[in-house]
Amino acid sequence: MSDSVSLQPIAQDVYAAPQLSPEAMAAAAEAGFKAVINNRPDMEGGPDQPTSAAIEAAAKAAGLEYAYLPVNGGYQSPEEIARCAELLKSLPRPLLMFCRSGARSTKLYMQAQALDD
C-alpha cells in the first residue's frame, strides 16, 4: 500500500484504513490482502466519495473478495455487528476494513469479536 494510506492493525491478520479509492484495490492486493470490507455508506462524504460499486469492481479486478457493510459512525446495530462477525469468519485473510477514518471499522471489528467471547 502507498505511504499515503495509514493502515492500523486491529488483529494479527485484520487491518483498518481510512477511505480507500478504487485505485487502492490493486495496491491492497499487491500488499497481500485477500479481502476488503467497506463500512462507509455511499455518499456519506458527498459526491466526491467513491461508490461501493466502483470500489467493488476494482477489488474484484484485483482478485480481492469484497463485502459492503455500511454502518453509521455513531451506532452499529446488533444485526450489523452479527453480519460483521459472519464476514470475519467467511472472508479470507489478511483482511482490510475501511470507513472514513478507520475508527468505525475498528469499533465494528471489536464488537463482532465480542460476540464470540
PDB file of N, CA and C in Angstrom:
ATOM      1  N   MET A   1       0.855  -1.186   0.000  1.00  0.00           N
ATOM      2  CA  MET A   1       0.000   0.000   0.000  1.00  0.00           C
ATOM      3  C   MET A   1       0.892   1.238   0.000  1.00  0.00           C
ATOM      4  N   SER A   2       0.350   2.314  -0.486  1.00  0.00           N
ATOM      5  CA  SER A   2       1.157   3.535  -0.577  1.00  0.00           C
ATOM      6  C   SER A   2       1.359   4.161   0.794  1.00  0.00           C
ATOM      7  N   ASP A   3       2.340   5.016   0.871  1.00  0.00           N
ATOM      8  CA  ASP A   3       2.633   5.686   2.135  1.00  0.00           C
ATOM      9  C   ASP A   3       1.492   6.598   2.574  1.00  0.00           C
ATOM     10  N   SER A   4       0.627   6.991   1.629  1.00  0.00           N
ATOM     11  CA  SER A   4      -0.438   7.928   1.968  1.00  0.00           C
ATOM     12  C   SER A   4      -1.610   7.234   2.671  1.00  0.00           C
ATOM     13  N   VAL A   5      -1.656   5.897   2.650  1.00  0.00           N
ATOM     14  CA  VAL A   5      -2.724   5.167   3.324  1.00  0.00           C
ATOM     15  C   VAL A   5      -2.208   4.670   4.668  1.00  0.00           C
ATOM     16  N   SER A   6      -2.906   5.067   5.719  1.00  0.00           N
ATOM     17  CA  SER A   6      -2.497   4.707   7.069  1.00  0.00           C
ATOM     18  C   SER A   6      -3.244   3.455   7.511  1.00  0.00           C
ATOM     19  N   LEU A   7      -2.566   2.309   7.468  1.00  0.00           N
ATOM     20  CA  LEU A   7      -3.167   1.052   7.907  1.00  0.00           C
ATOM     21  C   LEU A   7      -2.923   0.863   9.396  1.00  0.00           C
ATOM     22  N   GLN A   8      -3.986   0.516  10.107  1.00  0.00           N
ATOM     23  CA  GLN A   8      -3.877   0.259  11.535  1.00  0.00           C
ATOM     24  C   GLN A   8      -4.170  -1.209  11.789  1.00  0.00           C
ATOM     25  N   PRO A   9      -3.217  -1.971  12.334  1.00  0.00           N
ATOM     26  CA  PRO A   9      -3.519  -3.361  12.654  1.00  0.00           C
ATOM     27  C   PRO A   9      -4.519  -3.435  13.804  1.00  0.00           C
ATOM     28  N   ILE A  10      -5.595  -4.217  13.616  1.00  0.00           N
ATOM     29  CA  ILE A  10      -6.569  -4.387  14.694  1.00  0.00           C
ATOM     30  C   ILE A  10      -6.623  -5.847  15.154  1.00  0.00           C
ATOM     31  N   ALA A  11      -5.940  -6.708  14.425  1.00  0.00           N
ATOM     32  CA  ALA A  11      -5.753  -8.110  14.800  1.00  0.00           C
ATOM     33  C   ALA A  11      -4.546  -8.598  14.012  1.00  0.00           C
ATOM     34  N   GLN A  12      -4.165  -9.844  14.250  1.00  0.00           N
ATOM     35  CA  GLN A  12      -2.970 -10.361  13.573  1.00  0.00           C
ATOM     36  C   GLN A  12      -3.083 -10.263  12.057  1.00  0.00           C
ATOM     37  N   ASP A  13      -4.274 -10.494  11.518  1.00  0.00           N
ATOM     38  CA  ASP A  13      -4.444 -10.502  10.066  1.00  0.00           C
ATOM     39  C   ASP A  13      -5.626  -9.651   9.599  1.00  0.00           C
ATOM     40  N   VAL A  14      -5.969  -8.627  10.414  1.00  0.00           N
ATOM     41  CA  VAL A  14      -7.037  -7.687  10.074  1.00  0.00           C
ATOM     42  C   VAL A  14      -6.522  -6.269  10.291  1.00  0.00           C
ATOM     43  N   TYR A  15      -6.740  -5.422   9.284  1.00  0.00           N
ATOM     44  CA  TYR A  15      -6.290  -4.032   9.345  1.00  0.00           C
ATOM     45  C   TYR A  15      -7.456  -3.108   9.056  1.00  0.00           C
ATOM     46  N   ALA A  16      -7.397  -1.902   9.623  1.00  0.00           N
ATOM     47  CA  ALA A  16      -8.372  -0.856   9.349  1.00  0.00           C
ATOM     48  C   ALA A  16      -7.672   0.285   8.619  1.00  0.00           C
ATOM     49  N   ALA A  17      -8.426   0.934   7.738  1.00  0.00           N
ATOM     50  CA  ALA A  17      -7.881   2.047   6.957  1.00  0.00           C
ATOM     51  C   ALA A  17      -8.942   3.118   6.793  1.00  0.00           C
ATOM     52  N   PRO A  18      -8.494   4.348   6.525  1.00  0.00           N
ATOM     53  CA  PRO A  18      -9.447   5.388   6.145  1.00  0.00           C
ATOM     54  C   PRO A  18      -9.928   5.135   4.720  1.00  0.00           C
ATOM     55  N   GLN A  19     -10.846   5.966   4.256  1.00  0.00           N
ATOM     56  CA  GLN A  19     -11.454   5.814   2.922  1.00  0.00           C
ATOM     57  C   GLN A  19     -10.440   5.369   1.873  1.00  0.00           C
ATOM     58  N   LEU A  20     -10.772   4.311   1.167  1.00  0.00           N
ATOM     59  CA  LEU A  20      -9.929   3.825   0.083  1.00  0.00           C
ATOM     60  C   LEU A  20     -10.584   4.128  -1.258  1.00  0.00           C
ATOM     61  N   SER A  21      -9.765   4.314  -2.254  1.00  0.00           N
ATOM     62  CA  SER A  21     -10.247   4.582  -3.607  1.00  0.00           C
ATOM     63  C   SER A  21     -10.276   3.291  -4.396  1.00  0.00           C
ATOM     64  N   PRO A  22     -10.966   3.278  -5.529  1.00  0.00           N
ATOM     65  CA  PRO A  22     -10.892   2.106  -6.398  1.00  0.00           C
ATOM     66  C   PRO A  22      -9.443   1.782  -6.780  1.00  0.00           C
ATOM     67  N   GLU A  23      -8.650   2.813  -6.987  1.00  0.00           N
ATOM     68  CA  GLU A  23      -7.249   2.617  -7.368  1.00  0.00           C
ATOM     69  C   GLU A  23      -6.437   1.919  -6.272  1.00  0.00           C
ATOM     70  N   ALA A  24      -6.862   2.047  -5.041  1.00  0.00           N
ATOM     71  CA  ALA A  24      -6.142   1.432  -3.919  1.00  0.00           C
ATOM     72  C   ALA A  24      -6.333  -0.079  -3.860  1.00  0.00           C
ATOM     73  N   MET A  25      -7.305  -0.602  -4.591  1.00  0.00           N
ATOM     74  CA  MET A  25      -7.571  -2.046  -4.523  1.00  0.00           C
ATOM     75  C   MET A  25      -6.414  -2.864  -5.103  1.00  0.00           C
ATOM     76  N   ALA A  26      -5.835  -2.413  -6.198  1.00  0.00           N
ATOM     77  CA  ALA A  26      -4.692  -3.132  -6.769  1.00  0.00           C
ATOM     78  C   ALA A  26      -3.520  -3.116  -5.797  1.00  0.00           C
ATOM     79  N   ALA A  27      -3.296  -1.973  -5.144  1.00  0.00           N
ATOM     80  CA  ALA A  27      -2.212  -1.871  -4.164  1.00  0.00           C
ATOM     81  C   ALA A  27      -2.485  -2.777  -2.971  1.00  0.00           C
ATOM     82  N   ALA A  28      -3.749  -2.896  -2.555  1.00  0.00           N
ATOM     83  CA  ALA A  28      -4.091  -3.777  -1.435  1.00  0.00           C
ATOM     84  C   ALA A  28      -3.788  -5.227  -1.803  1.00  0.00           C
ATOM     85  N   ALA A  29      -4.129  -5.618  -3.020  1.00  0.00           N
ATOM     86  CA  ALA A  29      -3.844  -6.985  -3.467  1.00  0.00           C
ATOM     87  C   ALA A  29      -2.331  -7.220  -3.530  1.00  0.00           C
ATOM     88  N   GLU A  30      -1.606  -6.236  -4.046  1.00  0.00           N
ATOM     89  CA  GLU A  30      -0.146  -6.352  -4.134  1.00  0.00           C
ATOM     90  C   GLU A  30       0.481  -6.453  -2.743  1.00  0.00           C
ATOM     91  N   ALA A  31      -0.149  -5.820  -1.756  1.00  0.00           N
ATOM     92  CA  ALA A  31       0.355  -5.861  -0.383  1.00  0.00           C
ATOM     93  C   ALA A  31       0.016  -7.180   0.307  1.00  0.00           C
ATOM     94  N   GLY A  32      -0.752  -8.031  -0.370  1.00  0.00           N
ATOM     95  CA  GLY A  32      -1.042  -9.344   0.181  1.00  0.00           C
ATOM     96  C   GLY A  32      -2.431  -9.529   0.751  1.00  0.00           C
ATOM     97  N   PHE A  33      -3.253  -8.476   0.738  1.00  0.00           N
ATOM     98  CA  PHE A  33      -4.604  -8.629   1.256  1.00  0.00           C
ATOM     99  C   PHE A  33      -5.410  -9.539   0.347  1.00  0.00           C
ATOM    100  N   LYS A  34      -6.345 -10.275   0.949  1.00  0.00           N
ATOM    101  CA  LYS A  34      -7.199 -11.213   0.215  1.00  0.00           C
ATOM    102  C   LYS A  34      -8.643 -10.725   0.112  1.00  0.00           C
ATOM    103  N   ALA A  35      -9.041  -9.830   1.037  1.00  0.00           N
ATOM    104  CA  ALA A  35     -10.426  -9.372   1.069  1.00  0.00           C
ATOM    105  C   ALA A  35     -10.513  -7.966   1.657  1.00  0.00           C
ATOM    106  N   VAL A  36     -11.615  -7.287   1.295  1.00  0.00           N
ATOM    107  CA  VAL A  36     -11.870  -5.925   1.754  1.00  0.00           C
ATOM    108  C   VAL A  36     -13.319  -5.826   2.227  1.00  0.00           C
ATOM    109  N   ILE A  37     -13.526  -5.162   3.363  1.00  0.00           N
ATOM    110  CA  ILE A  37     -14.874  -4.833   3.832  1.00  0.00           C
ATOM    111  C   ILE A  37     -14.999  -3.313   3.856  1.00  0.00           C
ATOM    112  N   ASN A  38     -15.983  -2.795   3.138  1.00  0.00           N
ATOM    113  CA  ASN A  38     -16.266  -1.361   3.101  1.00  0.00           C
ATOM    114  C   ASN A  38     -17.381  -1.081   4.107  1.00  0.00           C
ATOM    115  N   ASN A  39     -17.075  -0.298   5.152  1.00  0.00           N
ATOM    116  CA  ASN A  39     -18.049   0.046   6.184  1.00  0.00           C
ATOM    117  C   ASN A  39     -18.611   1.455   6.035  1.00  0.00           C
ATOM    118  N   ARG A  40     -18.300   2.129   4.952  1.00  0.00           N
ATOM    119  CA  ARG A  40     -18.757   3.515   4.791  1.00  0.00           C
ATOM    120  C   ARG A  40     -19.952   3.590   3.845  1.00  0.00           C
ATOM    121  N   PRO A  41     -21.063   4.165   4.301  1.00  0.00           N
ATOM    122  CA  PRO A  41     -22.215   4.303   3.410  1.00  0.00           C
ATOM    123  C   PRO A  41     -21.882   5.175   2.195  1.00  0.00           C
ATOM    124  N   ASP A  42     -22.415   4.788   1.042  1.00  0.00           N
ATOM    125  CA  ASP A  42     -22.240   5.609  -0.156  1.00  0.00           C
ATOM    126  C   ASP A  42     -22.765   7.020   0.094  1.00  0.00           C
ATOM    127  N   MET A  43     -22.071   7.988  -0.469  1.00  0.00           N
ATOM    128  CA  MET A  43     -22.440   9.410  -0.436  1.00  0.00           C
ATOM    129  C   MET A  43     -22.346  10.048   0.954  1.00  0.00           C
ATOM    130  N   GLU A  44     -21.839   9.333   1.936  1.00  0.00           N
ATOM    131  CA  GLU A  44     -21.682   9.904   3.275  1.00  0.00           C
ATOM    132  C   GLU A  44     -20.798  11.153   3.212  1.00  0.00           C
ATOM    133  N   GLY A  45     -19.754  11.086   2.381  1.00  0.00           N
ATOM    134  CA  GLY A  45     -18.836  12.210   2.257  1.00  0.00           C
ATOM    135  C   GLY A  45     -19.150  13.124   1.089  1.00  0.00           C
ATOM    136  N   GLY A  46     -20.315  12.923   0.479  1.00  0.00           N
ATOM    137  CA  GLY A  46     -20.690  13.752  -0.658  1.00  0.00           C
ATOM    138  C   GLY A  46     -20.366  13.071  -1.979  1.00  0.00           C
ATOM    139  N   PRO A  47     -20.590  13.783  -3.082  1.00  0.00           N
ATOM    140  CA  PRO A  47     -20.463  13.182  -4.409  1.00  0.00           C
ATOM    141  C   PRO A  47     -19.030  12.820  -4.813  1.00  0.00           C
ATOM    142  N   ASP A  48     -18.033  13.341  -4.110  1.00  0.00           N
ATOM    143  CA  ASP A  48     -16.647  13.014  -4.460  1.00  0.00           C
ATOM    144  C   ASP A  48     -16.184  11.682  -3.865  1.00  0.00           C
ATOM    145  N   GLN A  49     -16.965  11.140  -2.936  1.00  0.00           N
ATOM    146  CA  GLN A  49     -16.611   9.852  -2.325  1.00  0.00           C
ATOM    147  C   GLN A  49     -16.837   8.737  -3.351  1.00  0.00           C
ATOM    148  N   PRO A  50     -15.862   7.839  -3.519  1.00  0.00           N
ATOM    149  CA  PRO A  50     -16.077   6.734  -4.457  1.00  0.00           C
ATOM    150  C   PRO A  50     -17.218   5.830  -3.983  1.00  0.00           C
ATOM    151  N   THR A  51     -18.005   5.328  -4.924  1.00  0.00           N
ATOM    152  CA  THR A  51     -19.122   4.463  -4.565  1.00  0.00           C
ATOM    153  C   THR A  51     -18.642   3.047  -4.275  1.00  0.00           C
ATOM    154  N   SER A  52     -19.465   2.333  -3.536  1.00  0.00           N
ATOM    155  CA  SER A  52     -19.162   0.937  -3.254  1.00  0.00           C
ATOM    156  C   SER A  52     -19.041   0.145  -4.551  1.00  0.00           C
ATOM    157  N   ALA A  53     -19.919   0.408  -5.505  1.00  0.00           N
ATOM    158  CA  ALA A  53     -19.886  -0.333  -6.775  1.00  0.00           C
ATOM    159  C   ALA A  53     -18.549  -0.143  -7.497  1.00  0.00           C
ATOM    160  N   ALA A  54     -18.033   1.081  -7.497  1.00  0.00           N
ATOM    161  CA  ALA A  54     -16.749   1.347  -8.156  1.00  0.00           C
ATOM    162  C   ALA A  54     -15.607   0.648  -7.424  1.00  0.00           C
ATOM    163  N   ILE A  55     -15.648   0.670  -6.091  1.00  0.00           N
ATOM    164  CA  ILE A  55     -14.601   0.017  -5.309  1.00  0.00           C
ATOM    165  C   ILE A  55     -14.697  -1.495  -5.466  1.00  0.00           C
ATOM    166  N   GLU A  56     -15.917  -2.021  -5.464  1.00  0.00           N
ATOM    167  CA  GLU A  56     -16.112  -3.468  -5.627  1.00  0.00           C
ATOM    168  C   GLU A  56     -15.571  -3.946  -6.971  1.00  0.00           C
ATOM    169  N   ALA A  57     -15.870  -3.213  -8.041  1.00  0.00           N
ATOM    170  CA  ALA A  57     -15.380  -3.603  -9.369  1.00  0.00           C
ATOM    171  C   ALA A  57     -13.856  -3.639  -9.390  1.00  0.00           C
ATOM    172  N   ALA A  58     -13.228  -2.628  -8.795  1.00  0.00           N
ATOM    173  CA  ALA A  58     -11.765  -2.573  -8.758  1.00  0.00           C
ATOM    174  C   ALA A  58     -11.199  -3.686  -7.874  1.00  0.00           C
ATOM    175  N   ALA A  59     -11.873  -3.974  -6.765  1.00  0.00           N
ATOM    176  CA  ALA A  59     -11.410  -5.038  -5.865  1.00  0.00           C
ATOM    177  C   ALA A  59     -11.456  -6.389  -6.577  1.00  0.00           C
ATOM    178  N   LYS A  60     -12.557  -6.655  -7.237  1.00  0.00           N
ATOM    179  CA  LYS A  60     -12.690  -7.935  -7.947  1.00  0.00           C
ATOM    180  C   LYS A  60     -11.690  -8.034  -9.087  1.00  0.00           C
ATOM    181  N   ALA A  61     -11.462  -6.924  -9.778  1.00  0.00           N
ATOM    182  CA  ALA A  61     -10.476  -6.918 -10.861  1.00  0.00           C
ATOM    183  C   ALA A  61      -9.076  -7.210 -10.332  1.00  0.00           C
ATOM    184  N   ALA A  62      -8.829  -6.828  -9.077  1.00  0.00           N
ATOM    185  CA  ALA A  62      -7.523  -7.053  -8.455  1.00  0.00           C
ATOM    186  C   ALA A  62      -7.438  -8.438  -7.801  1.00  0.00           C
ATOM    187  N   GLY A  63      -8.531  -9.209  -7.869  1.00  0.00           N
ATOM    188  CA  GLY A  63      -8.526 -10.542  -7.285  1.00  0.00           C
ATOM    189  C   GLY A  63      -8.897 -10.593  -5.816  1.00  0.00           C
ATOM    190  N   LEU A  64      -9.489  -9.514  -5.312  1.00  0.00           N
ATOM    191  CA  LEU A  64      -9.882  -9.454  -3.904  1.00  0.00           C
ATOM    192  C   LEU A  64     -11.351  -9.837  -3.737  1.00  0.00           C
ATOM    193  N   GLU A  65     -11.664 -10.469  -2.621  1.00  0.00           N
ATOM    194  CA  GLU A  65     -13.070 -10.623  -2.254  1.00  0.00           C
ATOM    195  C   GLU A  65     -13.507  -9.298  -1.633  1.00  0.00           C
ATOM    196  N   TYR A  66     -14.792  -8.952  -1.817  1.00  0.00           N
ATOM    197  CA  TYR A  66     -15.290  -7.653  -1.382  1.00  0.00           C
ATOM    198  C   TYR A  66     -16.627  -7.814  -0.686  1.00  0.00           C
ATOM    199  N   ALA A  67     -16.795  -7.099   0.412  1.00  0.00           N
ATOM    200  CA  ALA A  67     -18.074  -7.060   1.120  1.00  0.00           C
ATOM    201  C   ALA A  67     -18.410  -5.610   1.439  1.00  0.00           C
ATOM    202  N   TYR A  68     -19.680  -5.279   1.300  1.00  0.00           N
ATOM    203  CA  TYR A  68     -20.165  -3.930   1.607  1.00  0.00           C
ATOM    204  C   TYR A  68     -21.085  -4.031   2.813  1.00  0.00           C
ATOM    205  N   LEU A  69     -20.636  -3.497   3.928  1.00  0.00           N
ATOM    206  CA  LEU A  69     -21.412  -3.480   5.167  1.00  0.00           C
ATOM    207  C   LEU A  69     -21.396  -2.050   5.705  1.00  0.00           C
ATOM    208  N   PRO A  70     -22.230  -1.167   5.096  1.00  0.00           N
ATOM    209  CA  PRO A  70     -22.225   0.228   5.534  1.00  0.00           C
ATOM    210  C   PRO A  70     -22.857   0.377   6.911  1.00  0.00           C
ATOM    211  N   VAL A  71     -22.164   1.088   7.782  1.00  0.00           N
ATOM    212  CA  VAL A  71     -22.679   1.320   9.130  1.00  0.00           C
ATOM    213  C   VAL A  71     -22.515   2.786   9.501  1.00  0.00           C
ATOM    214  N   ASN A  72     -23.370   3.239  10.396  1.00  0.00           N
ATOM    215  CA  ASN A  72     -23.311   4.602  10.907  1.00  0.00           C
ATOM    216  C   ASN A  72     -22.092   4.749  11.807  1.00  0.00           C
ATOM    217  N   GLY A  73     -21.500   5.926  11.802  1.00  0.00           N
ATOM    218  CA  GLY A  73     -20.319   6.157  12.627  1.00  0.00           C
ATOM    219  C   GLY A  73     -20.578   6.079  14.114  1.00  0.00           C
ATOM    220  N   GLY A  74     -21.763   6.485  14.551  1.00  0.00           N
ATOM    221  CA  GLY A  74     -22.036   6.548  15.974  1.00  0.00           C
ATOM    222  C   GLY A  74     -22.714   5.331  16.556  1.00  0.00           C
ATOM    223  N   TYR A  75     -23.307   4.489  15.703  1.00  0.00           N
ATOM    224  CA  TYR A  75     -24.072   3.354  16.219  1.00  0.00           C
ATOM    225  C   TYR A  75     -24.061   2.221  15.203  1.00  0.00           C
ATOM    226  N   GLN A  76     -23.750   1.024  15.680  1.00  0.00           N
ATOM    227  CA  GLN A  76     -23.861  -0.171  14.862  1.00  0.00           C
ATOM    228  C   GLN A  76     -24.902  -1.072  15.514  1.00  0.00           C
ATOM    229  N   SER A  77     -25.889  -1.486  14.732  1.00  0.00           N
ATOM    230  CA  SER A  77     -26.975  -2.302  15.266  1.00  0.00           C
ATOM    231  C   SER A  77     -26.491  -3.718  15.569  1.00  0.00           C
ATOM    232  N   PRO A  78     -27.224  -4.430  16.408  1.00  0.00           N
ATOM    233  CA  PRO A  78     -26.870  -5.833  16.659  1.00  0.00           C
ATOM    234  C   PRO A  78     -26.819  -6.655  15.365  1.00  0.00           C
ATOM    235  N   GLU A  79     -27.701  -6.352  14.423  1.00  0.00           N
ATOM    236  CA  GLU A  79     -27.711  -7.063  13.145  1.00  0.00           C
ATOM    237  C   GLU A  79     -26.447  -6.767  12.336  1.00  0.00           C
ATOM    238  N   GLU A  80     -26.012  -5.511  12.345  1.00  0.00           N
ATOM    239  CA  GLU A  80     -24.784  -5.148  11.635  1.00  0.00           C
ATOM    240  C   GLU A  80     -23.561  -5.803  12.277  1.00  0.00           C
ATOM    241  N   ILE A  81     -23.539  -5.828  13.591  1.00  0.00           N
ATOM    242  CA  ILE A  81     -22.424  -6.464  14.305  1.00  0.00           C
ATOM    243  C   ILE A  81     -22.398  -7.962  14.000  1.00  0.00           C
ATOM    244  N   ALA A  82     -23.569  -8.593  14.002  1.00  0.00           N
ATOM    245  CA  ALA A  82     -23.641 -10.025  13.691  1.00  0.00           C
ATOM    246  C   ALA A  82     -23.203 -10.292  12.255  1.00  0.00           C
ATOM    247  N   ARG A  83     -23.591  -9.429  11.324  1.00  0.00           N
ATOM    248  CA  ARG A  83     -23.176  -9.595   9.926  1.00  0.00           C
ATOM    249  C   ARG A  83     -21.663  -9.449   9.793  1.00  0.00           C
ATOM    250  N   CYS A  84     -21.090  -8.511  10.517  1.00  0.00           N
ATOM    251  CA  CYS A  84     -19.638  -8.349  10.507  1.00  0.00           C
ATOM    252  C   CYS A  84     -18.970  -9.614  11.031  1.00  0.00           C
ATOM    253  N   ALA A  85     -19.494 -10.190  12.097  1.00  0.00           N
ATOM    254  CA  ALA A  85     -18.923 -11.416  12.650  1.00  0.00           C
ATOM    255  C   ALA A  85     -18.957 -12.539  11.610  1.00  0.00           C
ATOM    256  N   GLU A  86     -20.060 -12.625  10.852  1.00  0.00           N
ATOM    257  CA  GLU A  86     -20.170 -13.628   9.784  1.00  0.00           C
ATOM    258  C   GLU A  86     -19.111 -13.399   8.715  1.00  0.00           C
ATOM    259  N   LEU A  87     -18.956 -12.147   8.313  1.00  0.00           N
ATOM    260  CA  LEU A  87     -17.958 -11.826   7.286  1.00  0.00           C
ATOM    261  C   LEU A  87     -16.550 -12.144   7.776  1.00  0.00           C
ATOM    262  N   LEU A  88     -16.281 -11.842   9.032  1.00  0.00           N
ATOM    263  CA  LEU A  88     -14.950 -12.109   9.580  1.00  0.00           C
ATOM    264  C   LEU A  88     -14.638 -13.598   9.583  1.00  0.00           C
ATOM    265  N   LYS A  89     -15.662 -14.416   9.727  1.00  0.00           N
ATOM    266  CA  LYS A  89     -15.464 -15.864   9.719  1.00  0.00           C
ATOM    267  C   LYS A  89     -15.330 -16.412   8.301  1.00  0.00           C
ATOM    268  N   SER A  90     -15.967 -15.758   7.318  1.00  0.00           N
ATOM    269  CA  SER A  90     -16.030 -16.331   5.975  1.00  0.00           C
ATOM    270  C   SER A  90     -15.020 -15.756   4.982  1.00  0.00           C
ATOM    271  N   LEU A  91     -14.587 -14.529   5.182  1.00  0.00           N
ATOM    272  CA  LEU A  91     -13.664 -13.923   4.219  1.00  0.00           C
ATOM    273  C   LEU A  91     -12.223 -14.372   4.472  1.00  0.00           C
ATOM    274  N   PRO A  92     -11.450 -14.505   3.398  1.00  0.00           N
ATOM    275  CA  PRO A  92     -10.047 -14.903   3.570  1.00  0.00           C
ATOM    276  C   PRO A  92      -9.226 -13.781   4.193  1.00  0.00           C
ATOM    277  N   ARG A  93      -8.135 -14.155   4.809  1.00  0.00           N
ATOM    278  CA  ARG A  93      -7.224 -13.203   5.448  1.00  0.00           C
ATOM    279  C   ARG A  93      -5.911 -13.178   4.694  1.00  0.00           C
ATOM    280  N   PRO A  94      -5.130 -12.131   4.819  1.00  0.00           N
ATOM    281  CA  PRO A  94      -5.394 -10.910   5.578  1.00  0.00           C
ATOM    282  C   PRO A  94      -6.537 -10.093   4.974  1.00  0.00           C
ATOM    283  N   LEU A  95      -7.202  -9.396   5.867  1.00  0.00           N
ATOM    284  CA  LEU A  95      -8.423  -8.678   5.565  1.00  0.00           C
ATOM    285  C   LEU A  95      -8.227  -7.196   5.857  1.00  0.00           C
ATOM    286  N   LEU A  96      -8.778  -6.367   4.987  1.00  0.00           N
ATOM    287  CA  LEU A  96      -8.683  -4.909   5.132  1.00  0.00           C
ATOM    288  C   LEU A  96     -10.085  -4.346   5.256  1.00  0.00           C
ATOM    289  N   MET A  97     -10.359  -3.663   6.363  1.00  0.00           N
ATOM    290  CA  MET A  97     -11.645  -2.996   6.591  1.00  0.00           C
ATOM    291  C   MET A  97     -11.425  -1.493   6.487  1.00  0.00           C
ATOM    292  N   PHE A  98     -12.401  -0.769   5.923  1.00  0.00           N
ATOM    293  CA  PHE A  98     -12.241   0.680   5.877  1.00  0.00           C
ATOM    294  C   PHE A  98     -13.554   1.417   6.027  1.00  0.00           C
ATOM    295  N   CYS A  99     -13.424   2.689   6.452  1.00  0.00           N
ATOM    296  CA  CYS A  99     -14.541   3.626   6.585  1.00  0.00           C
ATOM    297  C   CYS A  99     -13.964   5.024   6.344  1.00  0.00           C
ATOM    298  N   ARG A 100     -14.516   6.055   6.934  1.00  0.00           N
ATOM    299  CA  ARG A 100     -13.980   7.404   6.701  1.00  0.00           C
ATOM    300  C   ARG A 100     -12.589   7.552   7.303  1.00  0.00           C
ATOM    301  N   SER A 101     -12.441   7.136   8.571  1.00  0.00           N
ATOM    302  CA  SER A 101     -11.156   7.316   9.254  1.00  0.00           C
ATOM    303  C   SER A 101     -10.495   6.000   9.664  1.00  0.00           C
ATOM    304  N   GLY A 102     -11.257   4.925   9.665  1.00  0.00           N
ATOM    305  CA  GLY A 102     -10.788   3.640  10.182  1.00  0.00           C
ATOM    306  C   GLY A 102     -11.346   3.340  11.560  1.00  0.00           C
ATOM    307  N   ALA A 103     -11.851   4.357  12.248  1.00  0.00           N
ATOM    308  CA  ALA A 103     -12.321   4.178  13.629  1.00  0.00           C
ATOM    309  C   ALA A 103     -13.571   3.308  13.708  1.00  0.00           C
ATOM    310  N   ARG A 104     -14.550   3.541  12.833  1.00  0.00           N
ATOM    311  CA  ARG A 104     -15.784   2.746  12.939  1.00  0.00           C
ATOM    312  C   ARG A 104     -15.539   1.298  12.528  1.00  0.00           C
ATOM    313  N   SER A 105     -14.628   1.078  11.569  1.00  0.00           N
ATOM    314  CA  SER A 105     -14.277  -0.301  11.206  1.00  0.00           C
ATOM    315  C   SER A 105     -13.635  -1.014  12.389  1.00  0.00           C
ATOM    316  N   THR A 106     -12.756  -0.311  13.096  1.00  0.00           N
ATOM    317  CA  THR A 106     -12.114  -0.892  14.275  1.00  0.00           C
ATOM    318  C   THR A 106     -13.150  -1.209  15.341  1.00  0.00           C
ATOM    319  N   LYS A 107     -14.055  -0.267  15.596  1.00  0.00           N
ATOM    320  CA  LYS A 107     -15.100  -0.468  16.606  1.00  0.00           C
ATOM    321  C   LYS A 107     -15.999  -1.642  16.211  1.00  0.00           C
ATOM    322  N   LEU A 108     -16.368  -1.711  14.948  1.00  0.00           N
ATOM    323  CA  LEU A 108     -17.226  -2.787  14.467  1.00  0.00           C
ATOM    324  C   LEU A 108     -16.529  -4.138  14.625  1.00  0.00           C
ATOM    325  N   TYR A 109     -15.252  -4.189  14.302  1.00  0.00           N
ATOM    326  CA  TYR A 109     -14.481  -5.433  14.468  1.00  0.00           C
ATOM    327  C   TYR A 109     -14.493  -5.864  15.930  1.00  0.00           C
ATOM    328  N   MET A 110     -14.221  -4.940  16.834  1.00  0.00           N
ATOM    329  CA  MET A 110     -14.155  -5.260  18.263  1.00  0.00           C
ATOM    330  C   MET A 110     -15.512  -5.773  18.766  1.00  0.00           C
ATOM    331  N   GLN A 111     -16.585  -5.148  18.309  1.00  0.00           N
ATOM    332  CA  GLN A 111     -17.931  -5.582  18.737  1.00  0.00           C
ATOM    333  C   GLN A 111     -18.250  -6.963  18.172  1.00  0.00           C
ATOM    334  N   ALA A 112     -17.834  -7.213  16.936  1.00  0.00           N
ATOM    335  CA  ALA A 112     -18.082  -8.534  16.319  1.00  0.00           C
ATOM    336  C   ALA A 112     -17.280  -9.604  17.048  1.00  0.00           C
ATOM    337  N   GLN A 113     -16.050  -9.294  17.422  1.00  0.00           N
ATOM    338  CA  GLN A 113     -15.226 -10.253  18.158  1.00  0.00           C
ATOM    339  C   GLN A 113     -15.838 -10.558  19.521  1.00  0.00           C
ATOM    340  N   ALA A 114     -16.462  -9.567  20.143  1.00  0.00           N
ATOM    341  CA  ALA A 114     -17.054  -9.757  21.464  1.00  0.00           C
ATOM    342  C   ALA A 114     -18.201 -10.766  21.411  1.00  0.00           C
ATOM    343  N   LEU A 115     -18.843 -10.932  20.247  1.00  0.00           N
ATOM    344  CA  LEU A 115     -19.928 -11.906  20.115  1.00  0.00           C
ATOM    345  C   LEU A 115     -19.410 -13.323  20.297  1.00  0.00           C
ATOM    346  N   ASP A 116     -18.142 -13.541  19.951  1.00  0.00           N
ATOM    347  CA  ASP A 116     -17.560 -14.876  20.050  1.00  0.00           C
ATOM    348  C   ASP A 116     -16.969 -15.163  21.423  1.00  0.00           C
ATOM    349  N   ASP A 117     -16.865 -14.139  22.251  1.00  0.00           N
ATOM    350  CA  ASP A 117     -16.260 -14.338  23.582  1.00  0.00           C
ATOM    351  C   ASP A 117     -17.267 -14.912  24.568  1.00  0.00           C
TER     352      ASP A 117
END
